[in-house]
Amino acid sequence: SAKIAKIHGGGRELLPDAIKALAIILVVWGHAIQYFHGHSYDYWND
């Protein structure tokens, strides 16, 4: 049980951390797309 707890982050749930990490990656990726896309912000037609 101590080995399993150590593998699973000392009793922390890994799923919420994984979801947060994915959300951060997606936000950074979206901002990078916006930044490198240029200055035309035609949201509905792009």
PDB file of all heavy atoms in Angstrom:
ATOM      1  N   SER A   1       0.828  -1.206   0.000  1.00  0.00           N
ATOM      2  CA  SER A   1       0.000   0.000   0.000  1.00  0.00           C
ATOM      3  C   SER A   1       0.865   1.260   0.000  1.00  0.00           C
ATOM      4  O   SER A   1       0.503   2.268  -0.606  1.00  0.00           O
ATOM      5  CB  SER A   1      -0.968   0.007   1.185  1.00  0.00           C
ATOM      6  OG  SER A   1      -0.244   0.011   2.394  1.00  0.00           O
ATOM      7  N   ALA A   2       2.015   1.206   0.672  1.00  0.00           N
ATOM      8  CA  ALA A   2       2.919   2.355   0.657  1.00  0.00           C
ATOM      9  C   ALA A   2       3.521   2.547  -0.729  1.00  0.00           C
ATOM     10  O   ALA A   2       3.703   3.674  -1.190  1.00  0.00           O
ATOM     11  CB  ALA A   2       4.024   2.173   1.696  1.00  0.00           C
ATOM     12  N   LYS A   3       3.827   1.434  -1.406  1.00  0.00           N
ATOM     13  CA  LYS A   3       4.361   1.526  -2.769  1.00  0.00           C
ATOM     14  C   LYS A   3       3.313   2.100  -3.715  1.00  0.00           C
ATOM     15  O   LYS A   3       3.618   2.941  -4.552  1.00  0.00           O
ATOM     16  CB  LYS A   3       4.800   0.154  -3.262  1.00  0.00           C
ATOM     17  CG  LYS A   3       6.047  -0.359  -2.599  1.00  0.00           C
ATOM     18  CD  LYS A   3       6.387  -1.737  -3.116  1.00  0.00           C
ATOM     19  CE  LYS A   3       7.560  -2.325  -2.366  1.00  0.00           C
ATOM     20  NZ  LYS A   3       7.846  -3.693  -2.813  1.00  0.00           N
ATOM     21  N   ILE A   4       2.081   1.655  -3.579  1.00  0.00           N
ATOM     22  CA  ILE A   4       0.999   2.161  -4.430  1.00  0.00           C
ATOM     23  C   ILE A   4       0.759   3.639  -4.162  1.00  0.00           C
ATOM     24  O   ILE A   4       0.580   4.428  -5.081  1.00  0.00           O
ATOM     25  CB  ILE A   4      -0.285   1.329  -4.214  1.00  0.00           C
ATOM     26  CG1 ILE A   4      -0.079  -0.080  -4.757  1.00  0.00           C
ATOM     27  CG2 ILE A   4      -1.478   1.995  -4.888  1.00  0.00           C
ATOM     28  CD1 ILE A   4      -1.192  -1.039  -4.421  1.00  0.00           C
ATOM     29  N   ALA A   5       0.779   4.046  -2.891  1.00  0.00           N
ATOM     30  CA  ALA A   5       0.578   5.456  -2.553  1.00  0.00           C
ATOM     31  C   ALA A   5       1.705   6.306  -3.125  1.00  0.00           C
ATOM     32  O   ALA A   5       1.473   7.426  -3.588  1.00  0.00           O
ATOM     33  CB  ALA A   5       0.504   5.635  -1.041  1.00  0.00           C
ATOM     34  N   LYS A   6       2.929   5.777  -3.124  1.00  0.00           N
ATOM     35  CA  LYS A   6       4.051   6.522  -3.673  1.00  0.00           C
ATOM     36  C   LYS A   6       3.907   6.662  -5.187  1.00  0.00           C
ATOM     37  O   LYS A   6       4.188   7.708  -5.755  1.00  0.00           O
ATOM     38  CB  LYS A   6       5.369   5.824  -3.329  1.00  0.00           C
ATOM     39  CG  LYS A   6       6.578   6.618  -3.685  1.00  0.00           C
ATOM     40  CD  LYS A   6       7.831   5.966  -3.159  1.00  0.00           C
ATOM     41  CE  LYS A   6       9.024   6.838  -3.492  1.00  0.00           C
ATOM     42  NZ  LYS A   6      10.263   6.253  -2.993  1.00  0.00           N
ATOM     43  N   ILE A   7       3.446   5.609  -5.846  1.00  0.00           N
ATOM     44  CA  ILE A   7       3.239   5.651  -7.293  1.00  0.00           C
ATOM     45  C   ILE A   7       2.140   6.648  -7.643  1.00  0.00           C
ATOM     46  O   ILE A   7       2.244   7.403  -8.598  1.00  0.00           O
ATOM     47  CB  ILE A   7       2.883   4.247  -7.822  1.00  0.00           C
ATOM     48  CG1 ILE A   7       4.101   3.336  -7.728  1.00  0.00           C
ATOM     49  CG2 ILE A   7       2.396   4.318  -9.264  1.00  0.00           C
ATOM     50  CD1 ILE A   7       3.802   1.878  -8.019  1.00  0.00           C
ATOM     51  N   HIS A   8       1.085   6.684  -6.855  1.00  0.00           N
ATOM     52  CA  HIS A   8      -0.058   7.550  -7.134  1.00  0.00           C
ATOM     53  C   HIS A   8       0.097   8.944  -6.553  1.00  0.00           C
ATOM     54  O   HIS A   8      -0.882   9.650  -6.363  1.00  0.00           O
ATOM     55  CB  HIS A   8      -1.351   6.909  -6.605  1.00  0.00           C
ATOM     56  CG  HIS A   8      -1.758   5.712  -7.377  1.00  0.00           C
ATOM     57  ND1 HIS A   8      -2.233   5.784  -8.656  1.00  0.00           N
ATOM     58  CD2 HIS A   8      -1.745   4.394  -7.056  1.00  0.00           C
ATOM     59  CE1 HIS A   8      -2.503   4.575  -9.092  1.00  0.00           C
ATOM     60  NE2 HIS A   8      -2.213   3.702  -8.136  1.00  0.00           N
ATOM     61  N   GLY A   9       1.287   9.386  -6.280  1.00  0.00           N
ATOM     62  CA  GLY A   9       1.512  10.750  -5.843  1.00  0.00           C
ATOM     63  C   GLY A   9       1.270  10.966  -4.372  1.00  0.00           C
ATOM     64  O   GLY A   9       0.885  12.055  -3.974  1.00  0.00           O
ATOM     65  N   GLY A  10       1.471   9.980  -3.561  1.00  0.00           N
ATOM     66  CA  GLY A  10       1.327  10.153  -2.120  1.00  0.00           C
ATOM     67  C   GLY A  10      -0.103  10.350  -1.671  1.00  0.00           C
ATOM     68  O   GLY A  10      -0.360  11.100  -0.737  1.00  0.00           O
ATOM     69  N   GLY A  11      -1.056   9.727  -2.333  1.00  0.00           N
ATOM     70  CA  GLY A  11      -2.443   9.836  -1.931  1.00  0.00           C
ATOM     71  C   GLY A  11      -3.226  10.881  -2.708  1.00  0.00           C
ATOM     72  O   GLY A  11      -4.413  11.028  -2.507  1.00  0.00           O
ATOM     73  N   ARG A  12      -2.557  11.621  -3.585  1.00  0.00           N
ATOM     74  CA  ARG A  12      -3.267  12.607  -4.409  1.00  0.00           C
ATOM     75  C   ARG A  12      -3.968  11.913  -5.561  1.00  0.00           C
ATOM     76  O   ARG A  12      -3.487  10.917  -6.080  1.00  0.00           O
ATOM     77  CB  ARG A  12      -2.279  13.615  -4.989  1.00  0.00           C
ATOM     78  CG  ARG A  12      -1.753  14.599  -3.995  1.00  0.00           C
ATOM     79  CD  ARG A  12      -0.818  15.567  -4.669  1.00  0.00           C
ATOM     80  NE  ARG A  12      -1.465  16.241  -5.782  1.00  0.00           N
ATOM     81  CZ  ARG A  12      -1.769  17.525  -5.793  1.00  0.00           C
ATOM     82  NH1 ARG A  12      -1.464  18.267  -4.767  1.00  0.00           N
ATOM     83  NH2 ARG A  12      -2.344  18.066  -6.827  1.00  0.00           N
ATOM     84  N   GLU A  13      -5.073  12.470  -5.963  1.00  0.00           N
ATOM     85  CA  GLU A  13      -5.761  11.972  -7.140  1.00  0.00           C
ATOM     86  C   GLU A  13      -5.053  12.510  -8.379  1.00  0.00           C
ATOM     87  O   GLU A  13      -4.815  13.716  -8.498  1.00  0.00           O
ATOM     88  CB  GLU A  13      -7.217  12.429  -7.138  1.00  0.00           C
ATOM     89  CG  GLU A  13      -8.048  11.804  -6.055  1.00  0.00           C
ATOM     90  CD  GLU A  13      -8.315  10.336  -6.330  1.00  0.00           C
ATOM     91  OE1 GLU A  13      -8.392   9.945  -7.513  1.00  0.00           O
ATOM     92  OE2 GLU A  13      -8.422   9.583  -5.355  1.00  0.00           O
ATOM     93  N   LEU A  14      -4.713  11.653  -9.302  1.00  0.00           N
ATOM     94  CA  LEU A  14      -3.978  12.080 -10.485  1.00  0.00           C
ATOM     95  C   LEU A  14      -4.895  12.599 -11.599  1.00  0.00           C
ATOM     96  O   LEU A  14      -4.460  13.398 -12.419  1.00  0.00           O
ATOM     97  CB  LEU A  14      -3.126  10.924 -11.013  1.00  0.00           C
ATOM     98  CG  LEU A  14      -1.981  10.495 -10.103  1.00  0.00           C
ATOM     99  CD1 LEU A  14      -1.210   9.351 -10.736  1.00  0.00           C
ATOM    100  CD2 LEU A  14      -1.051  11.654  -9.820  1.00  0.00           C
ATOM    101  N   LEU A  15      -6.141  12.160 -11.631  1.00  0.00           N
ATOM    102  CA  LEU A  15      -7.043  12.584 -12.696  1.00  0.00           C
ATOM    103  C   LEU A  15      -7.273  14.095 -12.708  1.00  0.00           C
ATOM    104  O   LEU A  15      -7.151  14.719 -13.773  1.00  0.00           O
ATOM    105  CB  LEU A  15      -8.369  11.836 -12.610  1.00  0.00           C
ATOM    106  CG  LEU A  15      -9.369  12.147 -13.717  1.00  0.00           C
ATOM    107  CD1 LEU A  15      -8.799  11.767 -15.076  1.00  0.00           C
ATOM    108  CD2 LEU A  15     -10.669  11.427 -13.458  1.00  0.00           C
ATOM    109  N   PRO A  16      -7.578  14.742 -11.579  1.00  0.00           N
ATOM    110  CA  PRO A  16      -7.743  16.205 -11.631  1.00  0.00           C
ATOM    111  C   PRO A  16      -6.457  16.928 -12.056  1.00  0.00           C
ATOM    112  O   PRO A  16      -6.517  17.911 -12.796  1.00  0.00           O
ATOM    113  CB  PRO A  16      -8.121  16.583 -10.199  1.00  0.00           C
ATOM    114  CG  PRO A  16      -8.685  15.361  -9.610  1.00  0.00           C
ATOM    115  CD  PRO A  16      -7.957  14.228 -10.256  1.00  0.00           C
ATOM    116  N   ASP A  17      -5.312  16.413 -11.618  1.00  0.00           N
ATOM    117  CA  ASP A  17      -4.047  17.025 -12.030  1.00  0.00           C
ATOM    118  C   ASP A  17      -3.817  16.858 -13.520  1.00  0.00           C
ATOM    119  O   ASP A  17      -3.339  17.773 -14.193  1.00  0.00           O
ATOM    120  CB  ASP A  17      -2.881  16.417 -11.249  1.00  0.00           C
ATOM    121  CG  ASP A  17      -2.902  16.811  -9.788  1.00  0.00           C
ATOM    122  OD1 ASP A  17      -3.524  17.851  -9.463  1.00  0.00           O
ATOM    123  OD2 ASP A  17      -2.302  16.087  -8.974  1.00  0.00           O
ATOM    124  N   ALA A  18      -4.168  15.700 -14.060  1.00  0.00           N
ATOM    125  CA  ALA A  18      -4.009  15.459 -15.490  1.00  0.00           C
ATOM    126  C   ALA A  18      -4.948  16.351 -16.294  1.00  0.00           C
ATOM    127  O   ALA A  18      -4.561  16.900 -17.341  1.00  0.00           O
ATOM    128  CB  ALA A  18      -4.263  13.994 -15.808  1.00  0.00           C
ATOM    129  N   ILE A  19      -6.171  16.536 -15.810  1.00  0.00           N
ATOM    130  CA  ILE A  19      -7.125  17.404 -16.503  1.00  0.00           C
ATOM    131  C   ILE A  19      -6.648  18.854 -16.476  1.00  0.00           C
ATOM    132  O   ILE A  19      -6.732  19.561 -17.479  1.00  0.00           O
ATOM    133  CB  ILE A  19      -8.528  17.261 -15.882  1.00  0.00           C
ATOM    134  CG1 ILE A  19      -9.080  15.868 -16.183  1.00  0.00           C
ATOM    135  CG2 ILE A  19      -9.474  18.340 -16.389  1.00  0.00           C
ATOM    136  CD1 ILE A  19     -10.354  15.543 -15.457  1.00  0.00           C
ATOM    137  N   LYS A  20      -6.127  19.301 -15.332  1.00  0.00           N
ATOM    138  CA  LYS A  20      -5.592  20.659 -15.234  1.00  0.00           C
ATOM    139  C   LYS A  20      -4.408  20.855 -16.166  1.00  0.00           C
ATOM    140  O   LYS A  20      -4.286  21.892 -16.826  1.00  0.00           O
ATOM    141  CB  LYS A  20      -5.163  20.964 -13.801  1.00  0.00           C
ATOM    142  CG  LYS A  20      -6.309  21.147 -12.844  1.00  0.00           C
ATOM    143  CD  LYS A  20      -5.770  21.382 -11.444  1.00  0.00           C
ATOM    144  CE  LYS A  20      -6.865  21.362 -10.417  1.00  0.00           C
ATOM    145  NZ  LYS A  20      -6.355  21.513  -9.052  1.00  0.00           N
ATOM    146  N   ALA A  21      -3.528  19.860 -16.232  1.00  0.00           N
ATOM    147  CA  ALA A  21      -2.362  19.953 -17.114  1.00  0.00           C
ATOM    148  C   ALA A  21      -2.796  20.036 -18.572  1.00  0.00           C
ATOM    149  O   ALA A  21      -2.269  20.849 -19.346  1.00  0.00           O
ATOM    150  CB  ALA A  21      -1.444  18.759 -16.901  1.00  0.00           C
ATOM    151  N   LEU A  22      -3.775  19.226 -18.966  1.00  0.00           N
ATOM    152  CA  LEU A  22      -4.289  19.274 -20.336  1.00  0.00           C
ATOM    153  C   LEU A  22      -4.927  20.626 -20.629  1.00  0.00           C
ATOM    154  O   LEU A  22      -4.720  21.196 -21.710  1.00  0.00           O
ATOM    155  CB  LEU A  22      -5.298  18.156 -20.560  1.00  0.00           C
ATOM    156  CG  LEU A  22      -5.916  18.094 -21.950  1.00  0.00           C
ATOM    157  CD1 LEU A  22      -4.851  17.827 -22.997  1.00  0.00           C
ATOM    158  CD2 LEU A  22      -7.006  17.049 -21.989  1.00  0.00           C
ATOM    159  N   ALA A  23      -5.677  21.166 -19.678  1.00  0.00           N
ATOM    160  CA  ALA A  23      -6.304  22.472 -19.871  1.00  0.00           C
ATOM    161  C   ALA A  23      -5.256  23.566 -20.037  1.00  0.00           C
ATOM    162  O   ALA A  23      -5.392  24.434 -20.902  1.00  0.00           O
ATOM    163  CB  ALA A  23      -7.220  22.801 -18.694  1.00  0.00           C
ATOM    164  N   ILE A  24      -4.198  23.521 -19.252  1.00  0.00           N
ATOM    165  CA  ILE A  24      -3.126  24.516 -19.374  1.00  0.00           C
ATOM    166  C   ILE A  24      -2.455  24.411 -20.728  1.00  0.00           C
ATOM    167  O   ILE A  24      -2.196  25.427 -21.394  1.00  0.00           O
ATOM    168  CB  ILE A  24      -2.112  24.348 -18.229  1.00  0.00           C
ATOM    169  CG1 ILE A  24      -2.744  24.765 -16.903  1.00  0.00           C
ATOM    170  CG2 ILE A  24      -0.839  25.135 -18.493  1.00  0.00           C
ATOM    171  CD1 ILE A  24      -1.935  24.402 -15.687  1.00  0.00           C
ATOM    172  N   ILE A  25      -2.181  23.184 -21.173  1.00  0.00           N
ATOM    173  CA  ILE A  25      -1.549  22.985 -22.482  1.00  0.00           C
ATOM    174  C   ILE A  25      -2.445  23.523 -23.592  1.00  0.00           C
ATOM    175  O   ILE A  25      -1.971  24.200 -24.513  1.00  0.00           O
ATOM    176  CB  ILE A  25      -1.227  21.495 -22.693  1.00  0.00           C
ATOM    177  CG1 ILE A  25      -0.087  21.082 -21.764  1.00  0.00           C
ATOM    178  CG2 ILE A  25      -0.872  21.202 -24.139  1.00  0.00           C
ATOM    179  CD1 ILE A  25       0.137  19.591 -21.685  1.00  0.00           C
ATOM    180  N   LEU A  26      -3.745  23.261 -23.516  1.00  0.00           N
ATOM    181  CA  LEU A  26      -4.664  23.745 -24.551  1.00  0.00           C
ATOM    182  C   LEU A  26      -4.766  25.263 -24.555  1.00  0.00           C
ATOM    183  O   LEU A  26      -4.851  25.879 -25.631  1.00  0.00           O
ATOM    184  CB  LEU A  26      -6.044  23.111 -24.355  1.00  0.00           C
ATOM    185  CG  LEU A  26      -6.131  21.619 -24.658  1.00  0.00           C
ATOM    186  CD1 LEU A  26      -7.517  21.097 -24.333  1.00  0.00           C
ATOM    187  CD2 LEU A  26      -5.768  21.330 -26.099  1.00  0.00           C
ATOM    188  N   VAL A  27      -4.757  25.886 -23.385  1.00  0.00           N
ATOM    189  CA  VAL A  27      -4.818  27.350 -23.312  1.00  0.00           C
ATOM    190  C   VAL A  27      -3.557  27.958 -23.917  1.00  0.00           C
ATOM    191  O   VAL A  27      -3.629  28.895 -24.715  1.00  0.00           O
ATOM    192  CB  VAL A  27      -5.019  27.816 -21.853  1.00  0.00           C
ATOM    193  CG1 VAL A  27      -4.761  29.302 -21.714  1.00  0.00           C
ATOM    194  CG2 VAL A  27      -6.425  27.498 -21.395  1.00  0.00           C
ATOM    195  N   VAL A  28      -2.405  27.415 -23.554  1.00  0.00           N
ATOM    196  CA  VAL A  28      -1.148  27.935 -24.106  1.00  0.00           C
ATOM    197  C   VAL A  28      -1.109  27.726 -25.613  1.00  0.00           C
ATOM    198  O   VAL A  28      -0.696  28.613 -26.366  1.00  0.00           O
ATOM    199  CB  VAL A  28       0.060  27.265 -23.412  1.00  0.00           C
ATOM    200  CG1 VAL A  28       1.355  27.600 -24.117  1.00  0.00           C
ATOM    201  CG2 VAL A  28       0.126  27.694 -21.955  1.00  0.00           C
ATOM    202  N   TRP A  29      -1.555  26.566 -26.082  1.00  0.00           N
ATOM    203  CA  TRP A  29      -1.595  26.292 -27.521  1.00  0.00           C
ATOM    204  C   TRP A  29      -2.533  27.277 -28.231  1.00  0.00           C
ATOM    205  O   TRP A  29      -2.195  27.804 -29.303  1.00  0.00           O
ATOM    206  CB  TRP A  29      -2.056  24.858 -27.753  1.00  0.00           C
ATOM    207  CG  TRP A  29      -2.076  24.467 -29.191  1.00  0.00           C
ATOM    208  CD1 TRP A  29      -3.174  24.335 -29.980  1.00  0.00           C
ATOM    209  CD2 TRP A  29      -0.952  24.185 -30.020  1.00  0.00           C
ATOM    210  NE1 TRP A  29      -2.796  23.981 -31.237  1.00  0.00           N
ATOM    211  CE2 TRP A  29      -1.434  23.879 -31.296  1.00  0.00           C
ATOM    212  CE3 TRP A  29       0.417  24.164 -29.792  1.00  0.00           C
ATOM    213  CZ2 TRP A  29      -0.595  23.552 -32.341  1.00  0.00           C
ATOM    214  CZ3 TRP A  29       1.255  23.834 -30.846  1.00  0.00           C
ATOM    215  CH2 TRP A  29       0.751  23.536 -32.090  1.00  0.00           C
ATOM    216  N   GLY A  30      -3.677  27.542 -27.662  1.00  0.00           N
ATOM    217  CA  GLY A  30      -4.618  28.491 -28.274  1.00  0.00           C
ATOM    218  C   GLY A  30      -4.061  29.896 -28.337  1.00  0.00           C
ATOM    219  O   GLY A  30      -4.223  30.597 -29.340  1.00  0.00           O
ATOM    220  N   HIS A  31      -3.384  30.317 -27.292  1.00  0.00           N
ATOM    221  CA  HIS A  31      -2.772  31.648 -27.301  1.00  0.00           C
ATOM    222  C   HIS A  31      -1.641  31.724 -28.317  1.00  0.00           C
ATOM    223  O   HIS A  31      -1.454  32.763 -28.963  1.00  0.00           O
ATOM    224  CB  HIS A  31      -2.263  32.022 -25.911  1.00  0.00           C
ATOM    225  CG  HIS A  31      -3.365  32.431 -24.978  1.00  0.00           C
ATOM    226  ND1 HIS A  31      -3.996  33.643 -25.054  1.00  0.00           N
ATOM    227  CD2 HIS A  31      -3.949  31.767 -23.956  1.00  0.00           C
ATOM    228  CE1 HIS A  31      -4.914  33.722 -24.117  1.00  0.00           C
ATOM    229  NE2 HIS A  31      -4.915  32.584 -23.430  1.00  0.00           N
ATOM    230  N   ALA A  32      -0.898  30.637 -28.474  1.00  0.00           N
ATOM    231  CA  ALA A  32       0.170  30.611 -29.474  1.00  0.00           C
ATOM    232  C   ALA A  32      -0.412  30.718 -30.874  1.00  0.00           C
ATOM    233  O   ALA A  32       0.126  31.433 -31.730  1.00  0.00           O
ATOM    234  CB  ALA A  32       0.999  29.337 -29.337  1.00  0.00           C
ATOM    235  N   ILE A  33      -1.524  30.033 -31.127  1.00  0.00           N
ATOM    236  CA  ILE A  33      -2.185  30.134 -32.434  1.00  0.00           C
ATOM    237  C   ILE A  33      -2.627  31.566 -32.681  1.00  0.00           C
ATOM    238  O   ILE A  33      -2.420  32.119 -33.764  1.00  0.00           O
ATOM    239  CB  ILE A  33      -3.381  29.167 -32.509  1.00  0.00           C
ATOM    240  CG1 ILE A  33      -2.899  27.729 -32.582  1.00  0.00           C
ATOM    241  CG2 ILE A  33      -4.258  29.496 -33.721  1.00  0.00           C
ATOM    242  CD1 ILE A  33      -4.011  26.712 -32.475  1.00  0.00           C
ATOM    243  N   GLN A  34      -3.240  32.201 -31.686  1.00  0.00           N
ATOM    244  CA  GLN A  34      -3.679  33.581 -31.842  1.00  0.00           C
ATOM    245  C   GLN A  34      -2.508  34.521 -32.077  1.00  0.00           C
ATOM    246  O   GLN A  34      -2.583  35.413 -32.917  1.00  0.00           O
ATOM    247  CB  GLN A  34      -4.439  34.047 -30.610  1.00  0.00           C
ATOM    248  CG  GLN A  34      -5.853  33.566 -30.539  1.00  0.00           C
ATOM    249  CD  GLN A  34      -6.576  34.170 -29.355  1.00  0.00           C
ATOM    250  OE1 GLN A  34      -6.009  34.267 -28.266  1.00  0.00           O
ATOM    251  NE2 GLN A  34      -7.807  34.565 -29.560  1.00  0.00           N
ATOM    252  N   TYR A  35      -1.426  34.322 -31.341  1.00  0.00           N
ATOM    253  CA  TYR A  35      -0.274  35.229 -31.435  1.00  0.00           C
ATOM    254  C   TYR A  35       0.392  35.122 -32.802  1.00  0.00           C
ATOM    255  O   TYR A  35       0.714  36.132 -33.429  1.00  0.00           O
ATOM    256  CB  TYR A  35       0.730  34.914 -30.331  1.00  0.00           C
ATOM    257  CG  TYR A  35       1.947  35.802 -30.375  1.00  0.00           C
ATOM    258  CD1 TYR A  35       1.879  37.111 -29.921  1.00  0.00           C
ATOM    259  CD2 TYR A  35       3.146  35.326 -30.875  1.00  0.00           C
ATOM    260  CE1 TYR A  35       2.987  37.937 -29.963  1.00  0.00           C
ATOM    261  CE2 TYR A  35       4.258  36.137 -30.921  1.00  0.00           C
ATOM    262  CZ  TYR A  35       4.181  37.436 -30.463  1.00  0.00           C
ATOM    263  OH  TYR A  35       5.276  38.249 -30.509  1.00  0.00           O
ATOM    264  N   PHE A  36       0.610  33.904 -33.289  1.00  0.00           N
ATOM    265  CA  PHE A  36       1.326  33.721 -34.544  1.00  0.00           C
ATOM    266  C   PHE A  36       0.425  33.820 -35.764  1.00  0.00           C
ATOM    267  O   PHE A  36       0.909  33.819 -36.886  1.00  0.00           O
ATOM    268  CB  PHE A  36       2.059  32.380 -34.545  1.00  0.00           C
ATOM    269  CG  PHE A  36       3.203  32.348 -33.581  1.00  0.00           C
ATOM    270  CD1 PHE A  36       3.192  31.494 -32.505  1.00  0.00           C
ATOM    271  CD2 PHE A  36       4.284  33.194 -33.755  1.00  0.00           C
ATOM    272  CE1 PHE A  36       4.243  31.467 -31.614  1.00  0.00           C
ATOM    273  CE2 PHE A  36       5.344  33.181 -32.871  1.00  0.00           C
ATOM    274  CZ  PHE A  36       5.324  32.310 -31.801  1.00  0.00           C
ATOM    275  N   HIS A  37      -0.865  33.917 -35.564  1.00  0.00           N
ATOM    276  CA  HIS A  37      -1.800  34.012 -36.685  1.00  0.00           C
ATOM    277  C   HIS A  37      -1.763  35.395 -37.322  1.00  0.00           C
ATOM    278  O   HIS A  37      -2.017  35.545 -38.507  1.00  0.00           O
ATOM    279  CB  HIS A  37      -3.213  33.679 -36.217  1.00  0.00           C
ATOM    280  CG  HIS A  37      -4.186  33.591 -37.333  1.00  0.00           C
ATOM    281  ND1 HIS A  37      -5.015  34.631 -37.662  1.00  0.00           N
ATOM    282  CD2 HIS A  37      -4.449  32.612 -38.215  1.00  0.00           C
ATOM    283  CE1 HIS A  37      -5.761  34.283 -38.691  1.00  0.00           C
ATOM    284  NE2 HIS A  37      -5.431  33.054 -39.044  1.00  0.00           N
ATOM    285  N   GLY A  38      -1.474  36.395 -36.576  1.00  0.00           N
ATOM    286  CA  GLY A  38      -1.424  37.747 -37.117  1.00  0.00           C
ATOM    287  C   GLY A  38      -2.397  38.664 -36.409  1.00  0.00           C
ATOM    288  O   GLY A  38      -2.909  38.349 -35.346  1.00  0.00           O
ATOM    289  N   HIS A  39      -2.673  39.779 -37.048  1.00  0.00           N
ATOM    290  CA  HIS A  39      -3.501  40.795 -36.411  1.00  0.00           C
ATOM    291  C   HIS A  39      -4.903  40.878 -36.991  1.00  0.00           C
ATOM    292  O   HIS A  39      -5.644  41.789 -36.669  1.00  0.00           O
ATOM    293  CB  HIS A  39      -2.825  42.162 -36.509  1.00  0.00           C
ATOM    294  CG  HIS A  39      -1.539  42.204 -35.739  1.00  0.00           C
ATOM    295  ND1 HIS A  39      -1.500  42.172 -34.365  1.00  0.00           N
ATOM    296  CD2 HIS A  39      -0.261  42.241 -36.145  1.00  0.00           C
ATOM    297  CE1 HIS A  39      -0.255  42.198 -33.959  1.00  0.00           C
ATOM    298  NE2 HIS A  39       0.523  42.236 -35.027  1.00  0.00           N
ATOM    299  N   SER A  40      -5.257  39.954 -37.866  1.00  0.00           N
ATOM    300  CA  SER A  40      -6.630  39.951 -38.370  1.00  0.00           C
ATOM    301  C   SER A  40      -7.479  39.067 -37.464  1.00  0.00           C
ATOM    302  O   SER A  40      -7.212  37.877 -37.304  1.00  0.00           O
ATOM    303  CB  SER A  40      -6.676  39.417 -39.805  1.00  0.00           C
ATOM    304  OG  SER A  40      -6.252  38.082 -39.850  1.00  0.00           O
ATOM    305  N   TYR A  41      -8.474  39.654 -36.840  1.00  0.00           N
ATOM    306  CA  TYR A  41      -9.313  38.926 -35.900  1.00  0.00           C
ATOM    307  C   TYR A  41     -10.730  38.784 -36.441  1.00  0.00           C
ATOM    308  O   TYR A  41     -11.681  39.237 -35.844  1.00  0.00           O
ATOM    309  CB  TYR A  41      -9.346  39.635 -34.551  1.00  0.00           C
ATOM    310  CG  TYR A  41      -8.000  39.633 -33.865  1.00  0.00           C
ATOM    311  CD1 TYR A  41      -7.271  40.800 -33.743  1.00  0.00           C
ATOM    312  CD2 TYR A  41      -7.471  38.470 -33.356  1.00  0.00           C
ATOM    313  CE1 TYR A  41      -6.039  40.801 -33.124  1.00  0.00           C
ATOM    314  CE2 TYR A  41      -6.243  38.455 -32.736  1.00  0.00           C
ATOM    315  CZ  TYR A  41      -5.533  39.619 -32.615  1.00  0.00           C
ATOM    316  OH  TYR A  41      -4.324  39.618 -32.011  1.00  0.00           O
ATOM    317  N   ASP A  42     -10.850  38.172 -37.602  1.00  0.00           N
ATOM    318  CA  ASP A  42     -12.166  37.901 -38.167  1.00  0.00           C
ATOM    319  C   ASP A  42     -12.639  36.561 -37.605  1.00  0.00           C
ATOM    320  O   ASP A  42     -12.495  35.505 -38.220  1.00  0.00           O
ATOM    321  CB  ASP A  42     -12.085  37.862 -39.690  1.00  0.00           C
ATOM    322  CG  ASP A  42     -13.450  37.859 -40.328  1.00  0.00           C
ATOM    323  OD1 ASP A  42     -14.448  38.071 -39.611  1.00  0.00           O
ATOM    324  OD2 ASP A  42     -13.521  37.653 -41.547  1.00  0.00           O
ATOM    325  N   TYR A  43     -13.168  36.616 -36.405  1.00  0.00           N
ATOM    326  CA  TYR A  43     -13.462  35.409 -35.630  1.00  0.00           C
ATOM    327  C   TYR A  43     -14.420  34.463 -36.331  1.00  0.00           C
ATOM    328  O   TYR A  43     -14.224  33.261 -36.356  1.00  0.00           O
ATOM    329  CB  TYR A  43     -14.026  35.828 -34.256  1.00  0.00           C
ATOM    330  CG  TYR A  43     -14.311  34.679 -33.349  1.00  0.00           C
ATOM    331  CD1 TYR A  43     -13.292  34.056 -32.641  1.00  0.00           C
ATOM    332  CD2 TYR A  43     -15.607  34.195 -33.193  1.00  0.00           C
ATOM    333  CE1 TYR A  43     -13.546  32.989 -31.809  1.00  0.00           C
ATOM    334  CE2 TYR A  43     -15.863  33.136 -32.348  1.00  0.00           C
ATOM    335  CZ  TYR A  43     -14.827  32.540 -31.665  1.00  0.00           C
ATOM    336  OH  TYR A  43     -15.083  31.484 -30.840  1.00  0.00           O
ATOM    337  N   TRP A  44     -15.475  34.973 -36.913  1.00  0.00           N
ATOM    338  CA  TRP A  44     -16.529  34.111 -37.462  1.00  0.00           C
ATOM    339  C   TRP A  44     -16.172  33.521 -38.820  1.00  0.00           C
ATOM    340  O   TRP A  44     -16.691  32.482 -39.184  1.00  0.00           O
ATOM    341  CB  TRP A  44     -17.835  34.892 -37.555  1.00  0.00           C
ATOM    342  CG  TRP A  44     -18.310  35.322 -36.217  1.00  0.00           C
ATOM    343  CD1 TRP A  44     -18.331  36.593 -35.736  1.00  0.00           C
ATOM    344  CD2 TRP A  44     -18.787  34.493 -35.147  1.00  0.00           C
ATOM    345  NE1 TRP A  44     -18.794  36.604 -34.432  1.00  0.00           N
ATOM    346  CE2 TRP A  44     -19.074  35.336 -34.057  1.00  0.00           C
ATOM    347  CE3 TRP A  44     -18.992  33.131 -35.014  1.00  0.00           C
ATOM    348  CZ2 TRP A  44     -19.559  34.835 -32.861  1.00  0.00           C
ATOM    349  CZ3 TRP A  44     -19.474  32.634 -33.821  1.00  0.00           C
ATOM    350  CH2 TRP A  44     -19.749  33.486 -32.758  1.00  0.00           C
ATOM    351  N   ASN A  45     -15.306  34.168 -39.580  1.00  0.00           N
ATOM    352  CA  ASN A  45     -14.981  33.682 -40.914  1.00  0.00           C
ATOM    353  C   ASN A  45     -13.617  33.021 -41.009  1.00  0.00           C
ATOM    354  O   ASN A  45     -13.236  32.571 -42.086  1.00  0.00           O
ATOM    355  CB  ASN A  45     -15.038  34.855 -41.913  1.00  0.00           C
ATOM    356  CG  ASN A  45     -16.450  35.380 -42.053  1.00  0.00           C
ATOM    357  OD1 ASN A  45     -17.407  34.628 -42.021  1.00  0.00           O
ATOM    358  ND2 ASN A  45     -16.569  36.693 -42.186  1.00  0.00           N
ATOM    359  N   ASP A  46     -12.891  32.928 -39.929  1.00  0.00           N
ATOM    360  CA  ASP A  46     -11.545  32.355 -39.960  1.00  0.00           C
ATOM    361  C   ASP A  46     -11.593  30.914 -39.418  1.00  0.00           C
ATOM    362  O   ASP A  46     -11.945  30.703 -38.269  1.00  0.00           O
ATOM    363  CB  ASP A  46     -10.609  33.203 -39.106  1.00  0.00           C
ATOM    364  CG  ASP A  46      -9.157  32.890 -39.381  1.00  0.00           C
ATOM    365  OD1 ASP A  46      -8.885  31.867 -40.032  1.00  0.00           O
ATOM    366  OD2 ASP A  46      -8.318  33.670 -38.948  1.00  0.00           O
TER     367      ASP A  46
END
